């Protein structure tokens, strides 16, 4: 039997729109306040793309930055996976548009949709192609322009979300390094807690669906909060155990950046001090599938992640979905 190949992250990159929308800006748009938003979410500002910028534009730039760090050229890419709930079109896939933009003519390209868990789903999918020897160089991208599907009159949702993209390069790494274990999960029975009702085959687009705001994000915040804390803890512990490690051996955690109260509650249950948890939602808000890879790239660039360290990525999202990965950092 052939030994499976170890797979790791050899490059990270991100791309954020230039425009910042602060809580003080939102005070002029809806009935809210900076104090209210910060106290309930931990968010102070978020990045918003302009009318000319699509998800593929952010994804392409993030991919280029990750490729540069991994010393990889477009012709070497075997596969491009884009995780997003805000694709450029129903079809073609955003990944195919990124392939064209990069000039990665040899790459297979497809999108996946697991909401905020999408990047970890993509990471786990991409790992299998390298582990089994089919491909060597894979781009996994989480990219969103959530500002385009947010109801800017709904103060319960519009304060939460931002736009951005993060990308990683997956390649073979030396044995004992890279992705040690991953866990994924779904609960379709609770899918109505977080949804975009119209625009698909269940509720096709009509004048009525547009007028009734059914193309915007809808969320039951209290139910999502309870689910998020429970599932992030459960998923992280499950994956750490699969890695044959203990929680004490984890050096750093990159969680989905949805709400500071969710992150702090999960850290407390995991008995982690916050200096072992990367938080950037105060600057960027919830970027769905882009949240984890942008935070990862930021932590790497800031020197918080070093060779040999054990890193845990964990996320939850619409679907409902969740996932986590444990990585020994290094090539």
C-alpha atoms as a PDB file:
ATOM      1  CA  UNK A   1       0.000   0.000   0.000  1.00  0.00           C
ATOM      2  CA  UNK A   2       1.338   3.446  -0.971  1.00  0.00           C
ATOM      3  CA  UNK A   3       2.015   5.849   1.892  1.00  0.00           C
ATOM      4  CA  UNK A   4      -0.222   8.931   1.841  1.00  0.00           C
ATOM      5  CA  UNK A   5       1.511  12.248   1.184  1.00  0.00           C
ATOM      6  CA  UNK A   6       1.671  14.909   3.913  1.00  0.00           C
ATOM      7  CA  UNK A   7      -0.079  18.119   2.833  1.00  0.00           C
ATOM      8  CA  UNK A   8       0.563  21.608   4.171  1.00  0.00           C
ATOM      9  CA  UNK A   9       0.068  25.295   3.571  1.00  0.00           C
ATOM     10  CA  UNK A  10       3.110  26.779   1.820  1.00  0.00           C
ATOM     11  CA  UNK A  11       1.773  30.245   1.073  1.00  0.00           C
ATOM     12  CA  UNK A  12      -0.934  32.584   2.356  1.00  0.00           C
ATOM     13  CA  UNK A  13      -2.432  35.732   0.894  1.00  0.00           C
ATOM     14  CA  UNK A  14      -5.348  38.082   1.286  1.00  0.00           C
ATOM     15  CA  UNK A  15      -7.102  41.006  -0.352  1.00  0.00           C
ATOM     16  CA  UNK A  16      -9.368  43.579   1.278  1.00  0.00           C
ATOM     17  CA  UNK A  17     -11.297  46.432  -0.360  1.00  0.00           C
ATOM     18  CA  UNK A  18      -9.951  49.901   0.372  1.00  0.00           C
ATOM     19  CA  UNK A  19     -13.220  51.389   1.614  1.00  0.00           C
ATOM     20  CA  UNK A  20     -13.859  51.205   5.364  1.00  0.00           C
ATOM     21  CA  UNK A  21     -17.372  51.471   6.759  1.00  0.00           C
ATOM     22  CA  UNK A  22     -17.229  52.376  10.448  1.00  0.00           C
ATOM     23  CA  UNK A  23     -19.884  52.024  13.109  1.00  0.00           C
ATOM     24  CA  UNK A  24     -20.168  55.804  13.088  1.00  0.00           C
ATOM     25  CA  UNK A  25     -21.011  55.633   9.377  1.00  0.00           C
ATOM     26  CA  UNK A  26     -23.715  53.071  10.179  1.00  0.00           C
ATOM     27  CA  UNK A  27     -25.194  55.400  12.815  1.00  0.00           C
ATOM     28  CA  UNK A  28     -26.202  57.654   9.904  1.00  0.00           C
ATOM     29  CA  UNK A  29     -27.805  54.764   7.989  1.00  0.00           C
ATOM     30  CA  UNK A  30     -29.787  52.760  10.564  1.00  0.00           C
ATOM     31  CA  UNK A  31     -30.982  53.028  14.164  1.00  0.00           C
ATOM     32  CA  UNK A  32     -27.807  51.868  15.881  1.00  0.00           C
ATOM     33  CA  UNK A  33     -24.721  53.171  17.663  1.00  0.00           C
ATOM     34  CA  UNK A  34     -21.035  52.414  17.894  1.00  0.00           C
ATOM     35  CA  UNK A  35     -21.490  51.480  21.558  1.00  0.00           C
ATOM     36  CA  UNK A  36     -24.335  49.047  20.754  1.00  0.00           C
ATOM     37  CA  UNK A  37     -22.428  47.316  17.933  1.00  0.00           C
ATOM     38  CA  UNK A  38     -19.133  46.999  19.827  1.00  0.00           C
ATOM     39  CA  UNK A  39     -20.821  45.693  22.982  1.00  0.00           C
ATOM     40  CA  UNK A  40     -22.785  43.003  21.135  1.00  0.00           C
ATOM     41  CA  UNK A  41     -20.342  41.997  18.403  1.00  0.00           C
ATOM     42  CA  UNK A  42     -16.862  43.437  18.985  1.00  0.00           C
ATOM     43  CA  UNK A  43     -16.927  44.957  15.485  1.00  0.00           C
ATOM     44  CA  UNK A  44     -15.816  48.569  14.935  1.00  0.00           C
ATOM     45  CA  UNK A  45     -15.511  48.673  11.144  1.00  0.00           C
ATOM     46  CA  UNK A  46     -15.578  46.518   8.043  1.00  0.00           C
ATOM     47  CA  UNK A  47     -14.340  46.708   4.430  1.00  0.00           C
ATOM     48  CA  UNK A  48     -16.877  47.258   1.629  1.00  0.00           C
ATOM     49  CA  UNK A  49     -16.262  46.636  -2.074  1.00  0.00           C
ATOM     50  CA  UNK A  50     -17.343  49.181  -4.677  1.00  0.00           C
ATOM     51  CA  UNK A  51     -19.863  48.563  -7.443  1.00  0.00           C
ATOM     52  CA  UNK A  52     -17.145  47.551  -9.932  1.00  0.00           C
ATOM     53  CA  UNK A  53     -15.566  44.902  -7.679  1.00  0.00           C
ATOM     54  CA  UNK A  54     -16.822  41.326  -7.749  1.00  0.00           C
ATOM     55  CA  UNK A  55     -15.891  38.355  -5.578  1.00  0.00           C
ATOM     56  CA  UNK A  56     -13.550  37.021  -8.290  1.00  0.00           C
ATOM     57  CA  UNK A  57     -11.533  40.258  -8.238  1.00  0.00           C
ATOM     58  CA  UNK A  58     -10.759  39.925  -4.528  1.00  0.00           C
ATOM     59  CA  UNK A  59     -10.165  36.177  -4.893  1.00  0.00           C
ATOM     60  CA  UNK A  60      -7.717  36.668  -7.756  1.00  0.00           C
ATOM     61  CA  UNK A  61      -5.577  39.176  -5.853  1.00  0.00           C
ATOM     62  CA  UNK A  62      -5.540  37.015  -2.705  1.00  0.00           C
ATOM     63  CA  UNK A  63      -4.492  34.036  -4.838  1.00  0.00           C
ATOM     64  CA  UNK A  64      -1.664  35.997  -6.456  1.00  0.00           C
ATOM     65  CA  UNK A  65      -0.336  36.975  -3.033  1.00  0.00           C
ATOM     66  CA  UNK A  66      -0.435  33.368  -1.801  1.00  0.00           C
ATOM     67  CA  UNK A  67       1.258  32.117  -4.979  1.00  0.00           C
ATOM     68  CA  UNK A  68       4.019  34.690  -4.609  1.00  0.00           C
ATOM     69  CA  UNK A  69       4.750  33.532  -1.075  1.00  0.00           C
ATOM     70  CA  UNK A  70       4.848  29.903  -2.245  1.00  0.00           C
ATOM     71  CA  UNK A  71       7.042  30.771  -5.269  1.00  0.00           C
ATOM     72  CA  UNK A  72       4.398  29.259  -7.538  1.00  0.00           C
ATOM     73  CA  UNK A  73       3.548  30.402 -11.078  1.00  0.00           C
ATOM     74  CA  UNK A  74       0.153  30.100 -12.719  1.00  0.00           C
ATOM     75  CA  UNK A  75       1.146  27.291 -15.095  1.00  0.00           C
ATOM     76  CA  UNK A  76       1.989  25.074 -12.100  1.00  0.00           C
ATOM     77  CA  UNK A  77      -1.458  25.229 -10.484  1.00  0.00           C
ATOM     78  CA  UNK A  78      -3.386  21.956 -10.701  1.00  0.00           C
ATOM     79  CA  UNK A  79      -6.628  22.913  -8.957  1.00  0.00           C
ATOM     80  CA  UNK A  80      -8.468  26.052  -7.828  1.00  0.00           C
ATOM     81  CA  UNK A  81     -11.212  25.779  -5.193  1.00  0.00           C
ATOM     82  CA  UNK A  82     -13.223  28.889  -4.327  1.00  0.00           C
ATOM     83  CA  UNK A  83     -15.486  28.853  -1.273  1.00  0.00           C
ATOM     84  CA  UNK A  84     -18.140  31.575  -1.460  1.00  0.00           C
ATOM     85  CA  UNK A  85     -21.817  32.401  -0.943  1.00  0.00           C
ATOM     86  CA  UNK A  86     -21.497  35.481  -3.149  1.00  0.00           C
ATOM     87  CA  UNK A  87     -20.298  34.134  -6.513  1.00  0.00           C
ATOM     88  CA  UNK A  88     -19.961  36.445  -9.500  1.00  0.00           C
ATOM     89  CA  UNK A  89     -22.708  34.464 -11.274  1.00  0.00           C
ATOM     90  CA  UNK A  90     -24.853  31.370 -10.860  1.00  0.00           C
ATOM     91  CA  UNK A  91     -22.496  30.055 -13.523  1.00  0.00           C
ATOM     92  CA  UNK A  92     -19.747  30.026 -14.647  1.00  0.00           C
ATOM     93  CA  UNK A  93     -18.110  29.326 -11.314  1.00  0.00           C
ATOM     94  CA  UNK A  94     -16.083  32.040  -9.640  1.00  0.00           C
ATOM     95  CA  UNK A  95     -13.151  29.590  -9.599  1.00  0.00           C
ATOM     96  CA  UNK A  96     -13.210  29.436 -13.406  1.00  0.00           C
ATOM     97  CA  UNK A  97     -13.106  33.236 -13.558  1.00  0.00           C
ATOM     98  CA  UNK A  98     -10.135  33.224 -11.166  1.00  0.00           C
ATOM     99  CA  UNK A  99      -8.463  30.596 -13.369  1.00  0.00           C
ATOM    100  CA  UNK A 100      -8.843  32.902 -16.373  1.00  0.00           C
ATOM    101  CA  UNK A 101      -7.593  35.936 -14.435  1.00  0.00           C
ATOM    102  CA  UNK A 102      -4.496  34.087 -13.238  1.00  0.00           C
ATOM    103  CA  UNK A 103      -3.767  32.450 -16.584  1.00  0.00           C
ATOM    104  CA  UNK A 104      -3.758  29.055 -14.855  1.00  0.00           C
ATOM    105  CA  UNK A 105      -4.740  27.230 -18.025  1.00  0.00           C
ATOM    106  CA  UNK A 106      -3.892  23.730 -16.706  1.00  0.00           C
ATOM    107  CA  UNK A 107      -5.932  24.016 -13.516  1.00  0.00           C
ATOM    108  CA  UNK A 108      -9.213  22.333 -12.731  1.00  0.00           C
ATOM    109  CA  UNK A 109     -11.547  24.884 -11.110  1.00  0.00           C
ATOM    110  CA  UNK A 110     -14.765  24.698  -9.108  1.00  0.00           C
ATOM    111  CA  UNK A 111     -16.710  26.468  -6.361  1.00  0.00           C
ATOM    112  CA  UNK A 112     -18.029  25.079  -3.093  1.00  0.00           C
ATOM    113  CA  UNK A 113     -20.694  26.582  -0.826  1.00  0.00           C
ATOM    114  CA  UNK A 114     -20.613  25.916   2.905  1.00  0.00           C
ATOM    115  CA  UNK A 115     -21.068  29.540   4.016  1.00  0.00           C
ATOM    116  CA  UNK A 116     -18.639  30.589   6.769  1.00  0.00           C
ATOM    117  CA  UNK A 117     -17.237  27.041   7.013  1.00  0.00           C
ATOM    118  CA  UNK A 118     -16.432  27.049   3.304  1.00  0.00           C
ATOM    119  CA  UNK A 119     -12.692  27.639   3.539  1.00  0.00           C
ATOM    120  CA  UNK A 120     -12.146  24.709   5.899  1.00  0.00           C
ATOM    121  CA  UNK A 121     -14.319  22.524   3.665  1.00  0.00           C
ATOM    122  CA  UNK A 122     -12.154  23.613   0.710  1.00  0.00           C
ATOM    123  CA  UNK A 123      -8.954  22.969   2.633  1.00  0.00           C
ATOM    124  CA  UNK A 124     -10.108  19.443   3.478  1.00  0.00           C
ATOM    125  CA  UNK A 125     -11.173  18.725  -0.108  1.00  0.00           C
ATOM    126  CA  UNK A 126      -7.921  20.037  -1.552  1.00  0.00           C
ATOM    127  CA  UNK A 127      -5.876  17.988   0.910  1.00  0.00           C
ATOM    128  CA  UNK A 128      -7.296  14.748  -0.463  1.00  0.00           C
ATOM    129  CA  UNK A 129      -6.142  15.447  -4.034  1.00  0.00           C
ATOM    130  CA  UNK A 130      -2.532  15.924  -2.915  1.00  0.00           C
ATOM    131  CA  UNK A 131      -2.560  13.226  -0.240  1.00  0.00           C
ATOM    132  CA  UNK A 132      -3.501  10.589  -2.825  1.00  0.00           C
ATOM    133  CA  UNK A 133      -0.959  11.828  -5.373  1.00  0.00           C
ATOM    134  CA  UNK A 134      -3.376  13.179  -7.998  1.00  0.00           C
ATOM    135  CA  UNK A 135      -2.268  16.836  -7.768  1.00  0.00           C
ATOM    136  CA  UNK A 136       0.689  18.766  -6.323  1.00  0.00           C
ATOM    137  CA  UNK A 137      -0.239  22.457  -6.301  1.00  0.00           C
ATOM    138  CA  UNK A 138      -3.660  23.636  -5.167  1.00  0.00           C
ATOM    139  CA  UNK A 139      -5.166  27.047  -4.479  1.00  0.00           C
ATOM    140  CA  UNK A 140      -7.917  27.184  -1.844  1.00  0.00           C
ATOM    141  CA  UNK A 141      -9.659  30.556  -1.657  1.00  0.00           C
ATOM    142  CA  UNK A 142     -12.374  31.935   0.609  1.00  0.00           C
ATOM    143  CA  UNK A 143     -13.861  35.092  -0.914  1.00  0.00           C
ATOM    144  CA  UNK A 144     -16.978  37.152  -0.278  1.00  0.00           C
ATOM    145  CA  UNK A 145     -18.695  40.415  -1.175  1.00  0.00           C
ATOM    146  CA  UNK A 146     -21.396  40.131   1.476  1.00  0.00           C
ATOM    147  CA  UNK A 147     -22.151  43.848   1.283  1.00  0.00           C
ATOM    148  CA  UNK A 148     -24.019  43.064  -1.927  1.00  0.00           C
ATOM    149  CA  UNK A 149     -26.521  40.752  -0.189  1.00  0.00           C
ATOM    150  CA  UNK A 150     -26.950  42.660   3.091  1.00  0.00           C
ATOM    151  CA  UNK A 151     -30.091  44.663   3.848  1.00  0.00           C
ATOM    152  CA  UNK A 152     -28.639  47.999   4.875  1.00  0.00           C
ATOM    153  CA  UNK A 153     -31.928  48.851   6.620  1.00  0.00           C
ATOM    154  CA  UNK A 154     -31.752  45.818   8.924  1.00  0.00           C
ATOM    155  CA  UNK A 155     -29.606  46.799  11.902  1.00  0.00           C
ATOM    156  CA  UNK A 156     -29.468  43.210  13.182  1.00  0.00           C
ATOM    157  CA  UNK A 157     -27.518  41.985  10.147  1.00  0.00           C
ATOM    158  CA  UNK A 158     -25.977  44.949   8.331  1.00  0.00           C
ATOM    159  CA  UNK A 159     -23.628  45.719  11.219  1.00  0.00           C
ATOM    160  CA  UNK A 160     -22.072  42.251  11.067  1.00  0.00           C
ATOM    161  CA  UNK A 161     -20.688  41.636   7.612  1.00  0.00           C
ATOM    162  CA  UNK A 162     -17.744  42.752   5.509  1.00  0.00           C
ATOM    163  CA  UNK A 163     -16.000  41.915   2.240  1.00  0.00           C
ATOM    164  CA  UNK A 164     -12.635  40.295   1.598  1.00  0.00           C
ATOM    165  CA  UNK A 165     -10.710  37.289   0.335  1.00  0.00           C
ATOM    166  CA  UNK A 166      -8.048  34.974   1.698  1.00  0.00           C
ATOM    167  CA  UNK A 167      -6.120  32.253  -0.099  1.00  0.00           C
ATOM    168  CA  UNK A 168      -3.632  29.496   0.607  1.00  0.00           C
ATOM    169  CA  UNK A 169      -1.418  27.273  -1.499  1.00  0.00           C
ATOM    170  CA  UNK A 170      -1.492  23.577  -0.599  1.00  0.00           C
ATOM    171  CA  UNK A 171       1.537  21.445  -1.506  1.00  0.00           C
ATOM    172  CA  UNK A 172       3.280  18.291  -0.308  1.00  0.00           C
ATOM    173  CA  UNK A 173       5.334  18.869   2.864  1.00  0.00           C
ATOM    174  CA  UNK A 174       7.699  16.722   4.895  1.00  0.00           C
ATOM    175  CA  UNK A 175       6.232  13.946   6.985  1.00  0.00           C
ATOM    176  CA  UNK A 176       4.870  15.032  10.354  1.00  0.00           C
ATOM    177  CA  UNK A 177       4.035  18.544   9.139  1.00  0.00           C
ATOM    178  CA  UNK A 178       0.998  20.054   7.475  1.00  0.00           C
ATOM    179  CA  UNK A 179      -2.619  19.081   8.061  1.00  0.00           C
ATOM    180  CA  UNK A 180      -2.716  16.467  10.812  1.00  0.00           C
ATOM    181  CA  UNK A 181      -6.498  16.015  10.978  1.00  0.00           C
ATOM    182  CA  UNK A 182      -9.775  17.648   9.947  1.00  0.00           C
ATOM    183  CA  UNK A 183     -13.426  17.313  10.921  1.00  0.00           C
ATOM    184  CA  UNK A 184     -16.487  18.541   9.017  1.00  0.00           C
ATOM    185  CA  UNK A 185     -20.163  18.518   9.889  1.00  0.00           C
ATOM    186  CA  UNK A 186     -23.603  19.660   8.764  1.00  0.00           C
ATOM    187  CA  UNK A 187     -27.090  20.051  10.234  1.00  0.00           C
ATOM    188  CA  UNK A 188     -29.529  20.765   7.431  1.00  0.00           C
ATOM    189  CA  UNK A 189     -32.486  20.548   9.811  1.00  0.00           C
ATOM    190  CA  UNK A 190     -31.386  23.875  11.323  1.00  0.00           C
ATOM    191  CA  UNK A 191     -30.645  25.580   8.019  1.00  0.00           C
ATOM    192  CA  UNK A 192     -33.393  28.186   8.404  1.00  0.00           C
ATOM    193  CA  UNK A 193     -31.444  29.924  11.156  1.00  0.00           C
ATOM    194  CA  UNK A 194     -29.169  31.532   8.563  1.00  0.00           C
ATOM    195  CA  UNK A 195     -30.316  31.850   4.979  1.00  0.00           C
ATOM    196  CA  UNK A 196     -30.725  33.878   1.791  1.00  0.00           C
ATOM    197  CA  UNK A 197     -34.290  32.859   0.898  1.00  0.00           C
ATOM    198  CA  UNK A 198     -34.704  33.834  -2.761  1.00  0.00           C
ATOM    199  CA  UNK A 199     -32.721  33.585  -5.968  1.00  0.00           C
ATOM    200  CA  UNK A 200     -32.523  29.797  -6.294  1.00  0.00           C
ATOM    201  CA  UNK A 201     -34.849  27.166  -7.703  1.00  0.00           C
ATOM    202  CA  UNK A 202     -37.002  27.045  -4.534  1.00  0.00           C
ATOM    203  CA  UNK A 203     -37.897  30.743  -4.720  1.00  0.00           C
ATOM    204  CA  UNK A 204     -36.829  32.051  -8.140  1.00  0.00           C
ATOM    205  CA  UNK A 205     -36.190  35.747  -8.613  1.00  0.00           C
ATOM    206  CA  UNK A 206     -39.303  37.809  -9.316  1.00  0.00           C
ATOM    207  CA  UNK A 207     -40.379  41.398  -8.798  1.00  0.00           C
ATOM    208  CA  UNK A 208     -42.122  40.265  -5.610  1.00  0.00           C
ATOM    209  CA  UNK A 209     -39.015  38.593  -4.144  1.00  0.00           C
ATOM    210  CA  UNK A 210     -36.972  41.723  -4.808  1.00  0.00           C
ATOM    211  CA  UNK A 211     -39.605  44.055  -3.340  1.00  0.00           C
ATOM    212  CA  UNK A 212     -39.966  41.831  -0.265  1.00  0.00           C
ATOM    213  CA  UNK A 213     -36.181  41.852   0.388  1.00  0.00           C
ATOM    214  CA  UNK A 214     -35.898  38.056   0.065  1.00  0.00           C
ATOM    215  CA  UNK A 215     -32.464  38.237  -1.561  1.00  0.00           C
ATOM    216  CA  UNK A 216     -30.835  39.541   1.590  1.00  0.00           C
ATOM    217  CA  UNK A 217     -29.226  37.616   4.463  1.00  0.00           C
ATOM    218  CA  UNK A 218     -31.760  36.521   7.110  1.00  0.00           C
ATOM    219  CA  UNK A 219     -30.564  35.312  10.501  1.00  0.00           C
ATOM    220  CA  UNK A 220     -31.938  34.128  13.833  1.00  0.00           C
ATOM    221  CA  UNK A 221     -29.115  35.594  15.897  1.00  0.00           C
ATOM    222  CA  UNK A 222     -29.872  33.914  19.226  1.00  0.00           C
ATOM    223  CA  UNK A 223     -30.087  30.429  17.726  1.00  0.00           C
ATOM    224  CA  UNK A 224     -26.915  30.912  15.699  1.00  0.00           C
ATOM    225  CA  UNK A 225     -25.081  32.126  18.817  1.00  0.00           C
ATOM    226  CA  UNK A 226     -26.018  29.049  20.855  1.00  0.00           C
ATOM    227  CA  UNK A 227     -25.117  26.720  18.005  1.00  0.00           C
ATOM    228  CA  UNK A 228     -21.820  28.459  17.297  1.00  0.00           C
ATOM    229  CA  UNK A 229     -20.322  28.239  20.776  1.00  0.00           C
ATOM    230  CA  UNK A 230     -21.297  24.601  21.218  1.00  0.00           C
ATOM    231  CA  UNK A 231     -20.141  23.409  17.801  1.00  0.00           C
ATOM    232  CA  UNK A 232     -16.836  25.303  17.715  1.00  0.00           C
ATOM    233  CA  UNK A 233     -15.800  23.694  20.998  1.00  0.00           C
ATOM    234  CA  UNK A 234     -17.001  20.235  19.931  1.00  0.00           C
ATOM    235  CA  UNK A 235     -15.344  20.395  16.516  1.00  0.00           C
ATOM    236  CA  UNK A 236     -12.010  21.708  17.814  1.00  0.00           C
ATOM    237  CA  UNK A 237     -11.788  19.041  20.518  1.00  0.00           C
ATOM    238  CA  UNK A 238     -12.714  16.298  18.065  1.00  0.00           C
ATOM    239  CA  UNK A 239     -10.022  17.305  15.587  1.00  0.00           C
ATOM    240  CA  UNK A 240      -7.339  17.754  18.238  1.00  0.00           C
ATOM    241  CA  UNK A 241      -8.122  14.244  19.488  1.00  0.00           C
ATOM    242  CA  UNK A 242      -7.925  12.871  15.934  1.00  0.00           C
ATOM    243  CA  UNK A 243      -4.481  14.489  15.691  1.00  0.00           C
ATOM    244  CA  UNK A 244      -3.352  12.472  18.747  1.00  0.00           C
ATOM    245  CA  UNK A 245      -2.620  15.742  20.531  1.00  0.00           C
ATOM    246  CA  UNK A 246      -3.915  17.429  23.657  1.00  0.00           C
ATOM    247  CA  UNK A 247      -5.453  20.869  23.956  1.00  0.00           C
ATOM    248  CA  UNK A 248      -2.381  21.984  25.916  1.00  0.00           C
ATOM    249  CA  UNK A 249      -0.224  21.285  22.853  1.00  0.00           C
ATOM    250  CA  UNK A 250      -2.158  23.729  20.661  1.00  0.00           C
ATOM    251  CA  UNK A 251      -0.128  26.926  20.188  1.00  0.00           C
ATOM    252  CA  UNK A 252      -2.597  29.106  18.321  1.00  0.00           C
ATOM    253  CA  UNK A 253      -6.249  29.100  17.245  1.00  0.00           C
ATOM    254  CA  UNK A 254      -7.714  30.843  14.192  1.00  0.00           C
ATOM    255  CA  UNK A 255     -11.503  30.908  14.668  1.00  0.00           C
ATOM    256  CA  UNK A 256     -14.214  32.154  12.344  1.00  0.00           C
ATOM    257  CA  UNK A 257     -14.588  35.872  13.024  1.00  0.00           C
ATOM    258  CA  UNK A 258     -18.327  36.232  13.606  1.00  0.00           C
ATOM    259  CA  UNK A 259     -18.786  37.741  17.050  1.00  0.00           C
ATOM    260  CA  UNK A 260     -16.336  38.440  19.876  1.00  0.00           C
ATOM    261  CA  UNK A 261     -18.747  36.994  22.451  1.00  0.00           C
ATOM    262  CA  UNK A 262     -18.851  33.700  20.518  1.00  0.00           C
ATOM    263  CA  UNK A 263     -15.048  33.580  20.287  1.00  0.00           C
ATOM    264  CA  UNK A 264     -14.547  34.429  23.967  1.00  0.00           C
ATOM    265  CA  UNK A 265     -17.185  31.919  25.122  1.00  0.00           C
ATOM    266  CA  UNK A 266     -15.644  29.151  23.027  1.00  0.00           C
ATOM    267  CA  UNK A 267     -12.118  30.012  24.259  1.00  0.00           C
ATOM    268  CA  UNK A 268     -13.326  29.891  27.863  1.00  0.00           C
ATOM    269  CA  UNK A 269     -14.875  26.448  27.376  1.00  0.00           C
ATOM    270  CA  UNK A 270     -11.635  25.270  25.757  1.00  0.00           C
ATOM    271  CA  UNK A 271      -9.649  26.792  28.664  1.00  0.00           C
ATOM    272  CA  UNK A 272      -7.650  28.914  26.221  1.00  0.00           C
ATOM    273  CA  UNK A 273      -6.301  32.355  27.051  1.00  0.00           C
ATOM    274  CA  UNK A 274      -7.172  34.965  24.420  1.00  0.00           C
ATOM    275  CA  UNK A 275      -3.494  35.530  23.618  1.00  0.00           C
ATOM    276  CA  UNK A 276      -3.599  32.123  21.891  1.00  0.00           C
ATOM    277  CA  UNK A 277      -6.604  33.151  19.760  1.00  0.00           C
ATOM    278  CA  UNK A 278      -6.336  35.415  16.722  1.00  0.00           C
ATOM    279  CA  UNK A 279      -9.032  38.086  16.531  1.00  0.00           C
ATOM    280  CA  UNK A 280      -9.421  40.665  13.756  1.00  0.00           C
ATOM    281  CA  UNK A 281     -13.202  41.031  13.500  1.00  0.00           C
ATOM    282  CA  UNK A 282     -12.977  44.473  15.088  1.00  0.00           C
ATOM    283  CA  UNK A 283     -11.386  45.650  11.811  1.00  0.00           C
ATOM    284  CA  UNK A 284     -13.153  43.496   9.217  1.00  0.00           C
ATOM    285  CA  UNK A 285     -16.396  42.102  10.654  1.00  0.00           C
ATOM    286  CA  UNK A 286     -17.710  38.711   9.543  1.00  0.00           C
ATOM    287  CA  UNK A 287     -16.372  37.879   6.066  1.00  0.00           C
ATOM    288  CA  UNK A 288     -17.965  34.411   5.908  1.00  0.00           C
ATOM    289  CA  UNK A 289     -15.706  32.029   3.935  1.00  0.00           C
ATOM    290  CA  UNK A 290     -12.963  34.685   3.786  1.00  0.00           C
ATOM    291  CA  UNK A 291     -12.830  35.071   7.561  1.00  0.00           C
ATOM    292  CA  UNK A 292     -10.460  32.236   8.489  1.00  0.00           C
ATOM    293  CA  UNK A 293      -7.965  32.570   5.586  1.00  0.00           C
ATOM    294  CA  UNK A 294      -7.685  36.352   6.026  1.00  0.00           C
ATOM    295  CA  UNK A 295      -7.076  35.905   9.753  1.00  0.00           C
ATOM    296  CA  UNK A 296      -4.535  33.151   9.026  1.00  0.00           C
ATOM    297  CA  UNK A 297      -2.649  35.324   6.548  1.00  0.00           C
ATOM    298  CA  UNK A 298      -2.638  38.202   9.025  1.00  0.00           C
ATOM    299  CA  UNK A 299      -1.326  36.002  11.837  1.00  0.00           C
ATOM    300  CA  UNK A 300       1.431  34.632   9.577  1.00  0.00           C
ATOM    301  CA  UNK A 301       2.452  38.119   8.402  1.00  0.00           C
ATOM    302  CA  UNK A 302       2.543  39.357  12.013  1.00  0.00           C
ATOM    303  CA  UNK A 303       4.901  36.525  12.984  1.00  0.00           C
ATOM    304  CA  UNK A 304       2.445  34.939  15.392  1.00  0.00           C
ATOM    305  CA  UNK A 305       2.702  31.552  13.662  1.00  0.00           C
ATOM    306  CA  UNK A 306       6.087  29.852  13.578  1.00  0.00           C
ATOM    307  CA  UNK A 307       7.487  26.617  12.171  1.00  0.00           C
ATOM    308  CA  UNK A 308       6.647  23.572  14.227  1.00  0.00           C
ATOM    309  CA  UNK A 309       3.708  25.168  16.034  1.00  0.00           C
ATOM    310  CA  UNK A 310       0.312  23.465  16.271  1.00  0.00           C
ATOM    311  CA  UNK A 311      -2.429  25.621  14.730  1.00  0.00           C
ATOM    312  CA  UNK A 312      -6.170  24.942  14.943  1.00  0.00           C
ATOM    313  CA  UNK A 313      -8.600  26.447  12.431  1.00  0.00           C
ATOM    314  CA  UNK A 314     -12.287  26.274  13.357  1.00  0.00           C
ATOM    315  CA  UNK A 315     -15.465  27.691  11.810  1.00  0.00           C
ATOM    316  CA  UNK A 316     -19.238  27.431  11.698  1.00  0.00           C
ATOM    317  CA  UNK A 317     -21.739  28.788   9.211  1.00  0.00           C
ATOM    318  CA  UNK A 318     -25.018  28.575   7.348  1.00  0.00           C
ATOM    319  CA  UNK A 319     -26.257  25.172   6.365  1.00  0.00           C
ATOM    320  CA  UNK A 320     -25.775  24.752   9.221  1.00  0.00           C
ATOM    321  CA  UNK A 321     -22.155  23.675   8.757  1.00  0.00           C
ATOM    322  CA  UNK A 322     -18.959  23.484  10.755  1.00  0.00           C
ATOM    323  CA  UNK A 323     -15.376  22.350  10.399  1.00  0.00           C
ATOM    324  CA  UNK A 324     -11.916  22.401  11.931  1.00  0.00           C
ATOM    325  CA  UNK A 325      -8.371  21.496  10.973  1.00  0.00           C
ATOM    326  CA  UNK A 326      -5.231  20.955  13.042  1.00  0.00           C
ATOM    327  CA  UNK A 327      -1.955  21.847  11.340  1.00  0.00           C
ATOM    328  CA  UNK A 328       1.693  21.481  12.304  1.00  0.00           C
ATOM    329  CA  UNK A 329       3.028  24.600  10.647  1.00  0.00           C
ATOM    330  CA  UNK A 330       6.000  24.242   8.321  1.00  0.00           C
ATOM    331  CA  UNK A 331       7.115  22.922   4.978  1.00  0.00           C
END
